């Protein structure tokens, strides 16, 4: 089954027309309570930037494997640089995903107390434009994510800027993913097994081939189709946990294409928005009631991320 997810215009939130802003907050809040996914237009990028990004991403993954492997640093726990094919396994699964990827991480100021906690970024010496466009897109989507979190703060009856200082300098990641052509019967492996994202929200730029499916609250799988010039934005486990499941982190997956399309590669570029590691993910008091009792133990974002990286097999 295929359907369009709710589509919203981020300019309505920035609009001086308070009625449009209120309507946007209501619509995005309801969508995240019910589906966990929305499509957003006017998200800060344009066709020129996106085309350059995809060109440089393809250039990187077209490098010889021995060159790519120079940028894989096991001590960085899969959080920066290159992560080779088959290294990541979704939580609860035994088969590795059919993908390789690259991580652009946060650039902190030298006096930031977290500078020694986050893994350092890796620079690809062969492709200076790859590094530059990755950084540009990271910064734009971080600002987009802040606006979306401002809308969600209002929906949750919090101060509009509740999340701002918690996410500026957060441990966010821009992930460039390459799903190579499938050469032989995958034997139970898929491009990305069913999983929930770890972070607060994920901004997913248009993939170069279909395959994304989400699971609704009633357990039904639907294939996601966003309108042209939109990005897909979904709730991650951190925000679901903070709101005691009021906001819904949908399980989703990337299924393998029909056999006649196995020869086609697939590229997708999600931005995983993380808070600073000291942020508390303790359930908000306003989201706890007699009918919705507290479901999660108290934990910081940094400790939660650390737990999940180990579950993914990226850290011992």
C-alpha atoms as a PDB file:
ATOM      1  CA  UNK A   1       0.000   0.000   0.000  1.00  0.00           C
ATOM      2  CA  UNK A   2       1.327   3.444  -0.904  1.00  0.00           C
ATOM      3  CA  UNK A   3       0.175   6.809   0.355  1.00  0.00           C
ATOM      4  CA  UNK A   4       1.321  10.383   0.670  1.00  0.00           C
ATOM      5  CA  UNK A   5       2.250  11.423   4.177  1.00  0.00           C
ATOM      6  CA  UNK A   6       0.994  14.813   5.461  1.00  0.00           C
ATOM      7  CA  UNK A   7       2.632  17.654   3.503  1.00  0.00           C
ATOM      8  CA  UNK A   8       3.451  20.995   5.141  1.00  0.00           C
ATOM      9  CA  UNK A   9       5.185  24.229   4.155  1.00  0.00           C
ATOM     10  CA  UNK A  10       7.869  25.408   6.603  1.00  0.00           C
ATOM     11  CA  UNK A  11       7.340  29.004   5.412  1.00  0.00           C
ATOM     12  CA  UNK A  12       3.958  28.892   7.163  1.00  0.00           C
ATOM     13  CA  UNK A  13       5.779  28.563  10.492  1.00  0.00           C
ATOM     14  CA  UNK A  14       8.038  31.542   9.707  1.00  0.00           C
ATOM     15  CA  UNK A  15       5.107  33.564   8.410  1.00  0.00           C
ATOM     16  CA  UNK A  16       4.090  36.806  10.098  1.00  0.00           C
ATOM     17  CA  UNK A  17       0.507  35.579   9.768  1.00  0.00           C
ATOM     18  CA  UNK A  18      -0.058  34.106  13.251  1.00  0.00           C
ATOM     19  CA  UNK A  19      -2.994  32.030  11.996  1.00  0.00           C
ATOM     20  CA  UNK A  20      -0.728  30.204   9.523  1.00  0.00           C
ATOM     21  CA  UNK A  21       1.829  29.588  12.247  1.00  0.00           C
ATOM     22  CA  UNK A  22      -0.785  28.197  14.649  1.00  0.00           C
ATOM     23  CA  UNK A  23      -2.188  25.963  11.916  1.00  0.00           C
ATOM     24  CA  UNK A  24       1.295  24.640  11.071  1.00  0.00           C
ATOM     25  CA  UNK A  25       1.982  23.798  14.734  1.00  0.00           C
ATOM     26  CA  UNK A  26      -1.354  21.973  15.029  1.00  0.00           C
ATOM     27  CA  UNK A  27      -0.859  20.012  11.807  1.00  0.00           C
ATOM     28  CA  UNK A  28       2.712  18.935  12.483  1.00  0.00           C
ATOM     29  CA  UNK A  29       1.891  17.990  16.077  1.00  0.00           C
ATOM     30  CA  UNK A  30      -1.082  15.852  15.069  1.00  0.00           C
ATOM     31  CA  UNK A  31       0.896  14.204  12.264  1.00  0.00           C
ATOM     32  CA  UNK A  32       3.710  13.250  14.612  1.00  0.00           C
ATOM     33  CA  UNK A  33       1.286  11.863  17.162  1.00  0.00           C
ATOM     34  CA  UNK A  34      -0.486   9.721  14.557  1.00  0.00           C
ATOM     35  CA  UNK A  35       2.020   8.812  11.807  1.00  0.00           C
ATOM     36  CA  UNK A  36       5.471   9.983  12.918  1.00  0.00           C
ATOM     37  CA  UNK A  37       6.333  11.186   9.391  1.00  0.00           C
ATOM     38  CA  UNK A  38       5.610  14.388   7.455  1.00  0.00           C
ATOM     39  CA  UNK A  39       6.789  15.913   4.167  1.00  0.00           C
ATOM     40  CA  UNK A  40       8.140  19.470   4.355  1.00  0.00           C
ATOM     41  CA  UNK A  41       8.785  21.960   1.576  1.00  0.00           C
ATOM     42  CA  UNK A  42      10.851  25.159   1.685  1.00  0.00           C
ATOM     43  CA  UNK A  43      13.351  23.429   3.958  1.00  0.00           C
ATOM     44  CA  UNK A  44      16.378  25.583   3.112  1.00  0.00           C
ATOM     45  CA  UNK A  45      18.040  23.696   0.257  1.00  0.00           C
ATOM     46  CA  UNK A  46      17.638  24.336  -3.467  1.00  0.00           C
ATOM     47  CA  UNK A  47      18.082  22.257  -6.606  1.00  0.00           C
ATOM     48  CA  UNK A  48      21.597  23.552  -7.276  1.00  0.00           C
ATOM     49  CA  UNK A  49      22.866  22.608  -3.791  1.00  0.00           C
ATOM     50  CA  UNK A  50      21.186  19.205  -3.888  1.00  0.00           C
ATOM     51  CA  UNK A  51      22.529  18.361  -7.342  1.00  0.00           C
ATOM     52  CA  UNK A  52      26.050  19.244  -6.229  1.00  0.00           C
ATOM     53  CA  UNK A  53      25.663  17.138  -3.078  1.00  0.00           C
ATOM     54  CA  UNK A  54      24.459  14.060  -4.960  1.00  0.00           C
ATOM     55  CA  UNK A  55      27.228  14.475  -7.564  1.00  0.00           C
ATOM     56  CA  UNK A  56      29.911  14.602  -4.890  1.00  0.00           C
ATOM     57  CA  UNK A  57      28.375  11.699  -2.950  1.00  0.00           C
ATOM     58  CA  UNK A  58      28.446   9.568  -6.101  1.00  0.00           C
ATOM     59  CA  UNK A  59      32.043  10.660  -6.713  1.00  0.00           C
ATOM     60  CA  UNK A  60      33.017   9.425  -3.272  1.00  0.00           C
ATOM     61  CA  UNK A  61      31.325   6.037  -3.516  1.00  0.00           C
ATOM     62  CA  UNK A  62      32.830   5.556  -6.993  1.00  0.00           C
ATOM     63  CA  UNK A  63      36.333   5.731  -5.502  1.00  0.00           C
ATOM     64  CA  UNK A  64      38.212   2.399  -5.408  1.00  0.00           C
ATOM     65  CA  UNK A  65      37.449   0.428  -2.238  1.00  0.00           C
ATOM     66  CA  UNK A  66      41.043   0.649  -0.996  1.00  0.00           C
ATOM     67  CA  UNK A  67      40.810   4.453  -1.093  1.00  0.00           C
ATOM     68  CA  UNK A  68      37.469   4.494   0.750  1.00  0.00           C
ATOM     69  CA  UNK A  69      38.859   2.154   3.401  1.00  0.00           C
ATOM     70  CA  UNK A  70      41.545   4.746   4.236  1.00  0.00           C
ATOM     71  CA  UNK A  71      38.692   6.791   5.717  1.00  0.00           C
ATOM     72  CA  UNK A  72      37.249   4.010   7.866  1.00  0.00           C
ATOM     73  CA  UNK A  73      38.476   4.450  11.434  1.00  0.00           C
ATOM     74  CA  UNK A  74      37.143   1.742  13.819  1.00  0.00           C
ATOM     75  CA  UNK A  75      38.097   3.876  16.834  1.00  0.00           C
ATOM     76  CA  UNK A  76      35.466   6.426  15.736  1.00  0.00           C
ATOM     77  CA  UNK A  77      32.691   3.861  16.359  1.00  0.00           C
ATOM     78  CA  UNK A  78      31.083   4.384  12.960  1.00  0.00           C
ATOM     79  CA  UNK A  79      30.246   7.987  13.841  1.00  0.00           C
ATOM     80  CA  UNK A  80      32.526   9.797  11.388  1.00  0.00           C
ATOM     81  CA  UNK A  81      33.972   9.151   7.955  1.00  0.00           C
ATOM     82  CA  UNK A  82      33.445   5.961   5.946  1.00  0.00           C
ATOM     83  CA  UNK A  83      31.525   2.898   7.179  1.00  0.00           C
ATOM     84  CA  UNK A  84      32.006  -0.032   4.820  1.00  0.00           C
ATOM     85  CA  UNK A  85      29.410  -2.370   3.321  1.00  0.00           C
ATOM     86  CA  UNK A  86      27.853  -4.774   5.809  1.00  0.00           C
ATOM     87  CA  UNK A  87      29.133  -3.147   9.008  1.00  0.00           C
ATOM     88  CA  UNK A  88      25.787  -1.935  10.368  1.00  0.00           C
ATOM     89  CA  UNK A  89      23.103  -4.291  11.620  1.00  0.00           C
ATOM     90  CA  UNK A  90      19.721  -2.931  12.749  1.00  0.00           C
ATOM     91  CA  UNK A  91      18.763  -3.451  16.394  1.00  0.00           C
ATOM     92  CA  UNK A  92      17.227  -6.909  16.860  1.00  0.00           C
ATOM     93  CA  UNK A  93      18.431  -8.225  13.476  1.00  0.00           C
ATOM     94  CA  UNK A  94      21.194 -10.681  12.594  1.00  0.00           C
ATOM     95  CA  UNK A  95      21.682  -9.832   8.901  1.00  0.00           C
ATOM     96  CA  UNK A  96      23.750  -6.749   8.057  1.00  0.00           C
ATOM     97  CA  UNK A  97      22.137  -4.008   5.962  1.00  0.00           C
ATOM     98  CA  UNK A  98      23.065  -3.888   2.263  1.00  0.00           C
ATOM     99  CA  UNK A  99      24.700  -0.455   2.367  1.00  0.00           C
ATOM    100  CA  UNK A 100      27.860   1.589   2.829  1.00  0.00           C
ATOM    101  CA  UNK A 101      27.846   5.176   4.059  1.00  0.00           C
ATOM    102  CA  UNK A 102      29.749   8.301   5.082  1.00  0.00           C
ATOM    103  CA  UNK A 103      29.176  10.465   8.161  1.00  0.00           C
ATOM    104  CA  UNK A 104      29.677  14.213   8.370  1.00  0.00           C
ATOM    105  CA  UNK A 105      29.529  15.231  12.041  1.00  0.00           C
ATOM    106  CA  UNK A 106      29.290  18.400  14.082  1.00  0.00           C
ATOM    107  CA  UNK A 107      32.079  21.025  13.994  1.00  0.00           C
ATOM    108  CA  UNK A 108      32.367  22.484  17.488  1.00  0.00           C
ATOM    109  CA  UNK A 109      34.117  25.642  18.617  1.00  0.00           C
ATOM    110  CA  UNK A 110      37.488  24.922  20.242  1.00  0.00           C
ATOM    111  CA  UNK A 111      36.270  26.167  23.619  1.00  0.00           C
ATOM    112  CA  UNK A 112      33.163  23.947  23.595  1.00  0.00           C
ATOM    113  CA  UNK A 113      33.289  21.496  26.537  1.00  0.00           C
ATOM    114  CA  UNK A 114      32.088  18.667  24.267  1.00  0.00           C
ATOM    115  CA  UNK A 115      34.917  18.983  21.733  1.00  0.00           C
ATOM    116  CA  UNK A 116      36.803  16.044  23.270  1.00  0.00           C
ATOM    117  CA  UNK A 117      33.669  13.921  23.669  1.00  0.00           C
ATOM    118  CA  UNK A 118      32.525  13.922  20.029  1.00  0.00           C
ATOM    119  CA  UNK A 119      34.505  11.949  17.462  1.00  0.00           C
ATOM    120  CA  UNK A 120      36.524  14.209  15.104  1.00  0.00           C
ATOM    121  CA  UNK A 121      35.454  14.680  11.505  1.00  0.00           C
ATOM    122  CA  UNK A 122      37.317  12.973   8.670  1.00  0.00           C
ATOM    123  CA  UNK A 123      38.392  14.918   5.569  1.00  0.00           C
ATOM    124  CA  UNK A 124      38.401  13.185   2.167  1.00  0.00           C
ATOM    125  CA  UNK A 125      41.618  14.485   0.573  1.00  0.00           C
ATOM    126  CA  UNK A 126      40.710  13.347  -2.971  1.00  0.00           C
ATOM    127  CA  UNK A 127      37.427  15.285  -3.076  1.00  0.00           C
ATOM    128  CA  UNK A 128      37.594  18.784  -1.534  1.00  0.00           C
ATOM    129  CA  UNK A 129      34.159  19.653  -2.961  1.00  0.00           C
ATOM    130  CA  UNK A 130      32.687  16.599  -1.200  1.00  0.00           C
ATOM    131  CA  UNK A 131      33.821  17.953   2.175  1.00  0.00           C
ATOM    132  CA  UNK A 132      32.631  21.493   1.378  1.00  0.00           C
ATOM    133  CA  UNK A 133      29.126  20.629   0.152  1.00  0.00           C
ATOM    134  CA  UNK A 134      28.642  18.174   3.022  1.00  0.00           C
ATOM    135  CA  UNK A 135      29.410  20.917   5.537  1.00  0.00           C
ATOM    136  CA  UNK A 136      27.114  23.390   3.759  1.00  0.00           C
ATOM    137  CA  UNK A 137      24.163  20.987   3.752  1.00  0.00           C
ATOM    138  CA  UNK A 138      24.819  19.970   7.380  1.00  0.00           C
ATOM    139  CA  UNK A 139      24.561  23.602   8.518  1.00  0.00           C
ATOM    140  CA  UNK A 140      21.411  24.321   6.489  1.00  0.00           C
ATOM    141  CA  UNK A 141      19.565  21.220   7.696  1.00  0.00           C
ATOM    142  CA  UNK A 142      20.592  21.869  11.304  1.00  0.00           C
ATOM    143  CA  UNK A 143      18.811  25.245  11.066  1.00  0.00           C
ATOM    144  CA  UNK A 144      15.796  23.559   9.450  1.00  0.00           C
ATOM    145  CA  UNK A 145      15.674  21.038  12.276  1.00  0.00           C
ATOM    146  CA  UNK A 146      15.737  23.803  14.883  1.00  0.00           C
ATOM    147  CA  UNK A 147      12.652  25.417  13.292  1.00  0.00           C
ATOM    148  CA  UNK A 148      10.769  22.108  13.273  1.00  0.00           C
ATOM    149  CA  UNK A 149      11.654  21.553  16.941  1.00  0.00           C
ATOM    150  CA  UNK A 150      10.415  25.077  17.740  1.00  0.00           C
ATOM    151  CA  UNK A 151       7.035  24.145  16.249  1.00  0.00           C
ATOM    152  CA  UNK A 152       6.989  20.908  18.249  1.00  0.00           C
ATOM    153  CA  UNK A 153       7.889  22.774  21.442  1.00  0.00           C
ATOM    154  CA  UNK A 154       4.786  24.931  20.978  1.00  0.00           C
ATOM    155  CA  UNK A 155       2.692  21.811  20.298  1.00  0.00           C
ATOM    156  CA  UNK A 156       3.971  20.343  23.579  1.00  0.00           C
ATOM    157  CA  UNK A 157       3.060  23.591  25.405  1.00  0.00           C
ATOM    158  CA  UNK A 158       6.739  24.375  26.016  1.00  0.00           C
ATOM    159  CA  UNK A 159       8.581  27.619  25.348  1.00  0.00           C
ATOM    160  CA  UNK A 160       9.147  27.989  21.585  1.00  0.00           C
ATOM    161  CA  UNK A 161      12.933  28.007  22.099  1.00  0.00           C
ATOM    162  CA  UNK A 162      12.958  25.068  24.541  1.00  0.00           C
ATOM    163  CA  UNK A 163      15.154  22.918  22.280  1.00  0.00           C
ATOM    164  CA  UNK A 164      17.411  25.635  20.801  1.00  0.00           C
ATOM    165  CA  UNK A 165      20.339  25.495  23.243  1.00  0.00           C
ATOM    166  CA  UNK A 166      19.905  21.750  23.632  1.00  0.00           C
ATOM    167  CA  UNK A 167      20.511  21.062  19.923  1.00  0.00           C
ATOM    168  CA  UNK A 168      22.938  23.803  18.842  1.00  0.00           C
ATOM    169  CA  UNK A 169      26.262  21.978  18.816  1.00  0.00           C
ATOM    170  CA  UNK A 170      24.407  18.684  19.196  1.00  0.00           C
ATOM    171  CA  UNK A 171      25.972  15.409  18.045  1.00  0.00           C
ATOM    172  CA  UNK A 172      24.073  15.483  14.736  1.00  0.00           C
ATOM    173  CA  UNK A 173      25.121  13.519  11.649  1.00  0.00           C
ATOM    174  CA  UNK A 174      24.635  13.980   7.918  1.00  0.00           C
ATOM    175  CA  UNK A 175      24.753  10.464   6.460  1.00  0.00           C
ATOM    176  CA  UNK A 176      25.367   9.850   2.753  1.00  0.00           C
ATOM    177  CA  UNK A 177      24.180   6.295   2.016  1.00  0.00           C
ATOM    178  CA  UNK A 178      24.963   4.127  -1.009  1.00  0.00           C
ATOM    179  CA  UNK A 179      22.936   0.968  -1.547  1.00  0.00           C
ATOM    180  CA  UNK A 180      24.966  -0.798  -4.274  1.00  0.00           C
ATOM    181  CA  UNK A 181      23.378  -2.896  -7.029  1.00  0.00           C
ATOM    182  CA  UNK A 182      22.292  -6.292  -5.690  1.00  0.00           C
ATOM    183  CA  UNK A 183      24.499  -8.945  -7.304  1.00  0.00           C
ATOM    184  CA  UNK A 184      22.891 -12.153  -5.985  1.00  0.00           C
ATOM    185  CA  UNK A 185      19.990 -13.423  -3.876  1.00  0.00           C
ATOM    186  CA  UNK A 186      20.207 -11.435  -0.590  1.00  0.00           C
ATOM    187  CA  UNK A 187      19.046 -14.430   1.541  1.00  0.00           C
ATOM    188  CA  UNK A 188      17.011 -12.450   4.028  1.00  0.00           C
ATOM    189  CA  UNK A 189      19.118  -9.281   4.041  1.00  0.00           C
ATOM    190  CA  UNK A 190      17.538  -5.969   3.018  1.00  0.00           C
ATOM    191  CA  UNK A 191      18.922  -2.544   2.224  1.00  0.00           C
ATOM    192  CA  UNK A 192      17.883  -1.268   5.655  1.00  0.00           C
ATOM    193  CA  UNK A 193      16.098  -3.588   8.089  1.00  0.00           C
ATOM    194  CA  UNK A 194      13.135  -2.367  10.131  1.00  0.00           C
ATOM    195  CA  UNK A 195      14.316   0.095  12.754  1.00  0.00           C
ATOM    196  CA  UNK A 196      13.531   3.280  14.647  1.00  0.00           C
ATOM    197  CA  UNK A 197      15.950   6.204  14.397  1.00  0.00           C
ATOM    198  CA  UNK A 198      17.956   6.988  17.533  1.00  0.00           C
ATOM    199  CA  UNK A 199      17.854  10.788  17.405  1.00  0.00           C
ATOM    200  CA  UNK A 200      15.310  13.602  17.920  1.00  0.00           C
ATOM    201  CA  UNK A 201      14.228  14.070  14.290  1.00  0.00           C
ATOM    202  CA  UNK A 202      15.496  12.869  10.900  1.00  0.00           C
ATOM    203  CA  UNK A 203      15.382  14.988   7.731  1.00  0.00           C
ATOM    204  CA  UNK A 204      15.580  12.689   4.705  1.00  0.00           C
ATOM    205  CA  UNK A 205      16.435  14.173   1.323  1.00  0.00           C
ATOM    206  CA  UNK A 206      14.782  12.569  -1.701  1.00  0.00           C
ATOM    207  CA  UNK A 207      16.242   9.138  -2.396  1.00  0.00           C
ATOM    208  CA  UNK A 208      17.289   8.190  -5.923  1.00  0.00           C
ATOM    209  CA  UNK A 209      15.072   5.082  -5.921  1.00  0.00           C
ATOM    210  CA  UNK A 210      11.924   3.899  -4.129  1.00  0.00           C
ATOM    211  CA  UNK A 211      11.941   1.517  -1.199  1.00  0.00           C
ATOM    212  CA  UNK A 212      11.144   3.411   2.018  1.00  0.00           C
ATOM    213  CA  UNK A 213       8.283   1.911   4.037  1.00  0.00           C
ATOM    214  CA  UNK A 214       6.909   2.937   7.436  1.00  0.00           C
ATOM    215  CA  UNK A 215       4.858   0.986   9.951  1.00  0.00           C
ATOM    216  CA  UNK A 216       1.733   2.696  11.237  1.00  0.00           C
ATOM    217  CA  UNK A 217       0.664   2.547  14.886  1.00  0.00           C
ATOM    218  CA  UNK A 218      -1.702  -0.319  14.012  1.00  0.00           C
ATOM    219  CA  UNK A 219       1.168  -2.339  12.513  1.00  0.00           C
ATOM    220  CA  UNK A 220       0.387  -1.832   8.821  1.00  0.00           C
ATOM    221  CA  UNK A 221       3.315  -1.246   6.443  1.00  0.00           C
ATOM    222  CA  UNK A 222       2.904   1.563   3.890  1.00  0.00           C
ATOM    223  CA  UNK A 223       5.360   2.787   1.258  1.00  0.00           C
ATOM    224  CA  UNK A 224       6.168   6.460   1.623  1.00  0.00           C
ATOM    225  CA  UNK A 225       5.943   8.841  -1.290  1.00  0.00           C
ATOM    226  CA  UNK A 226       6.793  12.475  -0.691  1.00  0.00           C
ATOM    227  CA  UNK A 227       5.730  15.190  -3.102  1.00  0.00           C
ATOM    228  CA  UNK A 228       8.395  16.761  -5.379  1.00  0.00           C
ATOM    229  CA  UNK A 229      10.536  19.469  -3.720  1.00  0.00           C
ATOM    230  CA  UNK A 230       9.814  18.079  -0.244  1.00  0.00           C
ATOM    231  CA  UNK A 231      11.930  16.320   2.344  1.00  0.00           C
ATOM    232  CA  UNK A 232      10.593  13.589   4.610  1.00  0.00           C
ATOM    233  CA  UNK A 233      10.958  14.406   8.323  1.00  0.00           C
ATOM    234  CA  UNK A 234      10.321  11.787  11.009  1.00  0.00           C
ATOM    235  CA  UNK A 235      10.423  11.515  14.771  1.00  0.00           C
ATOM    236  CA  UNK A 236      13.301   9.576  16.343  1.00  0.00           C
ATOM    237  CA  UNK A 237      13.394   7.499  19.519  1.00  0.00           C
ATOM    238  CA  UNK A 238      14.885  10.304  21.626  1.00  0.00           C
ATOM    239  CA  UNK A 239      11.904  12.592  21.035  1.00  0.00           C
ATOM    240  CA  UNK A 240       9.444   9.745  21.444  1.00  0.00           C
ATOM    241  CA  UNK A 241      11.115   8.881  24.747  1.00  0.00           C
ATOM    242  CA  UNK A 242      11.147  12.512  25.937  1.00  0.00           C
ATOM    243  CA  UNK A 243       7.407  12.790  25.247  1.00  0.00           C
ATOM    244  CA  UNK A 244       6.570   9.386  26.784  1.00  0.00           C
ATOM    245  CA  UNK A 245       5.457   8.167  23.318  1.00  0.00           C
ATOM    246  CA  UNK A 246       3.089  11.102  22.754  1.00  0.00           C
ATOM    247  CA  UNK A 247       5.110  11.763  19.569  1.00  0.00           C
ATOM    248  CA  UNK A 248       5.490   8.594  17.537  1.00  0.00           C
ATOM    249  CA  UNK A 249       8.832   7.214  16.371  1.00  0.00           C
ATOM    250  CA  UNK A 250       7.719   5.022  13.462  1.00  0.00           C
ATOM    251  CA  UNK A 251       9.527   1.816  12.658  1.00  0.00           C
ATOM    252  CA  UNK A 252      10.654   2.031   9.027  1.00  0.00           C
ATOM    253  CA  UNK A 253      12.727   0.080   6.523  1.00  0.00           C
ATOM    254  CA  UNK A 254      14.188   0.204   3.022  1.00  0.00           C
ATOM    255  CA  UNK A 255      13.087  -2.880   1.135  1.00  0.00           C
ATOM    256  CA  UNK A 256      14.923  -4.451  -1.769  1.00  0.00           C
ATOM    257  CA  UNK A 257      13.685  -3.499  -5.241  1.00  0.00           C
ATOM    258  CA  UNK A 258      12.051  -5.973  -7.647  1.00  0.00           C
ATOM    259  CA  UNK A 259      14.616  -8.327  -9.204  1.00  0.00           C
ATOM    260  CA  UNK A 260      14.492  -6.500 -12.535  1.00  0.00           C
ATOM    261  CA  UNK A 261      15.790  -3.386 -10.710  1.00  0.00           C
ATOM    262  CA  UNK A 262      18.590  -5.069  -8.733  1.00  0.00           C
ATOM    263  CA  UNK A 263      21.180  -3.519 -11.055  1.00  0.00           C
ATOM    264  CA  UNK A 264      20.237   0.014  -9.974  1.00  0.00           C
ATOM    265  CA  UNK A 265      22.102   1.600  -7.060  1.00  0.00           C
ATOM    266  CA  UNK A 266      20.211   3.726  -4.544  1.00  0.00           C
ATOM    267  CA  UNK A 267      21.416   6.847  -2.765  1.00  0.00           C
ATOM    268  CA  UNK A 268      19.775   8.613   0.152  1.00  0.00           C
ATOM    269  CA  UNK A 269      20.990  11.360   2.464  1.00  0.00           C
ATOM    270  CA  UNK A 270      19.378  11.675   5.903  1.00  0.00           C
ATOM    271  CA  UNK A 271      20.294  14.300   8.493  1.00  0.00           C
ATOM    272  CA  UNK A 272      20.020  12.822  11.985  1.00  0.00           C
ATOM    273  CA  UNK A 273      19.449  15.649  14.450  1.00  0.00           C
ATOM    274  CA  UNK A 274      20.880  14.879  17.868  1.00  0.00           C
ATOM    275  CA  UNK A 275      20.916  17.069  20.967  1.00  0.00           C
ATOM    276  CA  UNK A 276      24.005  17.860  22.978  1.00  0.00           C
ATOM    277  CA  UNK A 277      24.953  14.789  24.963  1.00  0.00           C
ATOM    278  CA  UNK A 278      24.112  16.331  28.351  1.00  0.00           C
ATOM    279  CA  UNK A 279      20.439  16.854  27.389  1.00  0.00           C
ATOM    280  CA  UNK A 280      18.036  15.010  29.658  1.00  0.00           C
ATOM    281  CA  UNK A 281      15.685  12.581  27.932  1.00  0.00           C
ATOM    282  CA  UNK A 282      13.640  12.099  31.111  1.00  0.00           C
ATOM    283  CA  UNK A 283       9.947  11.957  30.204  1.00  0.00           C
ATOM    284  CA  UNK A 284       8.333  15.407  30.320  1.00  0.00           C
ATOM    285  CA  UNK A 285       5.980  15.711  33.294  1.00  0.00           C
ATOM    286  CA  UNK A 286       3.295  17.102  30.990  1.00  0.00           C
ATOM    287  CA  UNK A 287       3.357  13.848  28.996  1.00  0.00           C
ATOM    288  CA  UNK A 288       2.820  11.607  32.039  1.00  0.00           C
ATOM    289  CA  UNK A 289      -0.679  10.919  33.325  1.00  0.00           C
ATOM    290  CA  UNK A 290      -2.783   8.210  34.967  1.00  0.00           C
ATOM    291  CA  UNK A 291      -3.680   6.902  31.508  1.00  0.00           C
ATOM    292  CA  UNK A 292      -0.140   7.263  30.118  1.00  0.00           C
ATOM    293  CA  UNK A 293       2.230   6.302  32.894  1.00  0.00           C
ATOM    294  CA  UNK A 294       5.967   6.899  32.610  1.00  0.00           C
ATOM    295  CA  UNK A 295       7.421   4.242  30.280  1.00  0.00           C
ATOM    296  CA  UNK A 296      11.156   4.948  30.321  1.00  0.00           C
ATOM    297  CA  UNK A 297      13.986   5.215  32.816  1.00  0.00           C
ATOM    298  CA  UNK A 298      15.812   8.538  33.235  1.00  0.00           C
ATOM    299  CA  UNK A 299      18.804   8.912  30.901  1.00  0.00           C
ATOM    300  CA  UNK A 300      20.886  11.541  29.098  1.00  0.00           C
ATOM    301  CA  UNK A 301      21.072  11.782  25.308  1.00  0.00           C
ATOM    302  CA  UNK A 302      24.772  10.866  25.374  1.00  0.00           C
ATOM    303  CA  UNK A 303      24.216   7.673  27.390  1.00  0.00           C
ATOM    304  CA  UNK A 304      21.252   6.690  25.229  1.00  0.00           C
ATOM    305  CA  UNK A 305      23.272   7.187  22.033  1.00  0.00           C
ATOM    306  CA  UNK A 306      26.115   5.127  23.470  1.00  0.00           C
ATOM    307  CA  UNK A 307      23.722   2.253  24.251  1.00  0.00           C
ATOM    308  CA  UNK A 308      22.292   2.252  20.756  1.00  0.00           C
ATOM    309  CA  UNK A 309      25.676   2.432  18.969  1.00  0.00           C
ATOM    310  CA  UNK A 310      26.647  -0.759  20.802  1.00  0.00           C
ATOM    311  CA  UNK A 311      23.363  -2.410  19.765  1.00  0.00           C
ATOM    312  CA  UNK A 312      24.132  -1.545  16.118  1.00  0.00           C
ATOM    313  CA  UNK A 313      27.446  -3.391  16.369  1.00  0.00           C
ATOM    314  CA  UNK A 314      29.483  -0.236  15.727  1.00  0.00           C
ATOM    315  CA  UNK A 315      31.056  -0.119  19.196  1.00  0.00           C
ATOM    316  CA  UNK A 316      32.305  -2.836  21.521  1.00  0.00           C
END
